[in-house]
Structures are given as structure tokens and as C-alpha cells.
Amino acid sequence: MKAMQTLKIKAETALGSLDLTYSGRNAWALSKLIDAGEKGCTPIDTPGPRWSGYVHNLRADGLDIETVTERHGGPYKGTHARYVLRSPVMVISRSMPESKPHG
């Protein structure tokens, strides 16, 4: 079985203070949102297979994540979402899986 990233945070939310632990893609998405700050993340500049799903999961735990709808041009012009973490969070610990040599 493959090791996953784990992220433990303390978050201040409308519901009060929460201690949360995430692993795998939810940890990855939250980590990207924390690192992006006010700039936020889009599936265009931070590709991930299911951004809307990760944001849904994080919101279900009480994290405030704003969705900003933005227009884009190009051959497939339309709109995309920018996700911005609005809950103040403090990272308690962050662990990354150890990479194993191939072969």
C-alpha cells in the first residue's frame, strides 16, 4: 500500500476551534490552499483530478473556502473556479510519504 501525505491542522471557524487531520488528496488540496494564501488555487494553475470534491470534503468539516468564478479565454473559453481558504488555520504537523527507489 502506498504511503499518503498527512496534514494536521488547528482551524478557527465559525463553529469555534477545530483540530483536524487529513490524508491523501484532501491533505494535498488543503496544503495547496494554505500555501496559496489570498491568491487561491484553480484547477488550471494547480491541476488535480477532483478539486470540487476535495473542497466539498473540507467544507463538510467546517472550513470556510470561498469559490470565485473566473472567466477564461482560449479555444474552450468559459469559466473556472478559484478556491480561497478563508478559515484561519495553523499547521500542527505535515508529513510526506517517503519515496522509495525504483528497481
Protein backbone atom coordinates (compact mmCIF):
# COMPACT_ATOMS: atom_id res chain seq x y z
CA MET A 1 0.00 0.00 0.00
CA LYS A 2 1.23 3.47 -0.90
CA ALA A 3 2.01 5.96 1.91
CA MET A 4 0.00 9.20 1.83
CA GLN A 5 0.65 12.76 2.85
CA THR A 6 -0.80 13.58 6.27
CA LEU A 7 -1.67 17.11 7.40
CA LYS A 8 -2.79 18.02 10.93
CA ILE A 9 -4.22 21.50 11.46
CA LYS A 10 -5.92 23.64 14.05
CA ALA A 11 -8.59 25.77 12.40
CA GLU A 12 -10.59 28.70 13.69
CA THR A 13 -14.05 28.52 12.16
CA ALA A 14 -17.49 29.99 12.74
CA LEU A 15 -18.11 26.89 14.87
CA GLY A 16 -15.05 27.53 17.05
CA SER A 17 -11.65 25.88 17.17
CA LEU A 18 -11.23 22.51 15.43
CA ASP A 19 -8.37 20.00 15.38
CA LEU A 20 -8.45 18.26 12.01
CA THR A 21 -6.31 15.61 10.33
CA TYR A 22 -6.34 14.89 6.62
CA SER A 23 -4.54 12.40 4.44
CA GLY A 24 -4.16 11.74 0.74
CA ARG A 25 -5.75 14.11 -1.77
CA ASN A 26 -7.71 16.07 0.87
CA ALA A 27 -4.41 16.81 2.64
CA TRP A 28 -2.84 17.73 -0.71
CA ALA A 29 -5.66 20.15 -1.56
CA LEU A 30 -5.66 21.79 1.87
CA SER A 31 -1.88 22.11 1.76
CA LYS A 32 -2.11 23.84 -1.66
CA LEU A 33 -4.83 26.19 -0.36
CA ILE A 34 -2.74 27.10 2.70
CA ASP A 35 0.37 27.72 0.58
CA ALA A 36 -1.58 29.82 -1.98
CA GLY A 37 -3.00 32.21 0.62
CA GLU A 38 -5.16 35.04 -0.78
CA LYS A 39 -4.25 34.05 -4.36
CA GLY A 40 -6.16 30.79 -4.00
CA CYS A 41 -5.99 27.78 -6.33
CA THR A 42 -7.63 26.87 -9.60
CA PRO A 43 -7.69 23.52 -11.36
CA ILE A 44 -5.81 25.31 -14.17
CA ASP A 45 -2.80 26.53 -12.17
CA THR A 46 -2.83 23.68 -9.63
CA PRO A 47 -4.06 20.63 -11.55
CA GLY A 48 -5.86 17.97 -9.55
CA PRO A 49 -8.46 15.43 -10.63
CA ARG A 50 -11.33 16.47 -8.33
CA TRP A 51 -10.86 19.94 -6.83
CA SER A 52 -14.59 20.39 -6.29
CA GLY A 53 -14.72 17.09 -4.38
CA TYR A 54 -11.78 17.98 -2.13
CA VAL A 55 -13.29 21.41 -1.38
CA HIS A 56 -16.64 19.75 -0.61
CA ASN A 57 -14.94 17.40 1.88
CA LEU A 58 -13.02 20.24 3.59
CA ARG A 59 -16.16 22.39 3.83
CA ALA A 60 -18.04 19.47 5.41
CA ASP A 61 -15.58 19.69 8.32
CA GLY A 62 -16.36 23.38 8.81
CA LEU A 63 -13.55 25.04 6.83
CA ASP A 64 -14.55 28.26 5.08
CA ILE A 65 -13.45 28.05 1.44
CA GLU A 66 -14.66 30.73 -0.97
CA THR A 67 -15.41 29.86 -4.60
CA VAL A 68 -14.67 32.72 -7.01
CA THR A 69 -15.93 32.19 -10.57
CA GLU A 70 -13.49 33.49 -13.19
CA ARG A 71 -13.71 33.72 -16.97
CA HIS A 72 -11.00 32.33 -19.23
CA GLY A 73 -10.42 32.55 -22.98
CA GLY A 74 -8.87 30.20 -25.46
CA PRO A 75 -10.40 27.58 -27.70
CA TYR A 76 -12.53 26.27 -24.80
CA LYS A 77 -13.47 29.62 -23.27
CA GLY A 78 -15.81 29.68 -20.34
CA THR A 79 -15.45 29.87 -16.57
CA HIS A 80 -13.48 28.08 -13.88
CA ALA A 81 -13.44 28.16 -10.09
CA ARG A 82 -10.78 29.72 -7.89
CA TYR A 83 -10.84 28.33 -4.35
CA VAL A 84 -9.60 30.55 -1.50
CA LEU A 85 -9.23 29.29 2.08
CA ARG A 86 -10.82 31.86 4.40
CA SER A 87 -10.60 29.97 7.71
CA PRO A 88 -7.51 30.84 9.73
CA VAL A 89 -5.52 27.62 10.09
CA MET A 90 -2.36 26.69 11.96
CA VAL A 91 -0.42 23.70 10.67
CA ILE A 92 0.43 21.41 13.58
CA SER A 93 2.29 18.83 11.50
CA ARG A 94 2.83 17.92 7.89
CA SER A 95 4.32 14.61 6.82
CA MET A 96 5.09 13.49 3.30
CA PRO A 97 5.40 9.90 2.15
CA GLU A 98 8.91 8.63 1.81
CA SER A 99 9.87 7.96 -1.76
CA LYS A 100 11.28 4.53 -2.46
CA PRO A 101 13.94 3.93 -5.10
CA HIS A 102 12.70 2.30 -8.28
CA GLY A 103 14.07 -1.01 -9.36
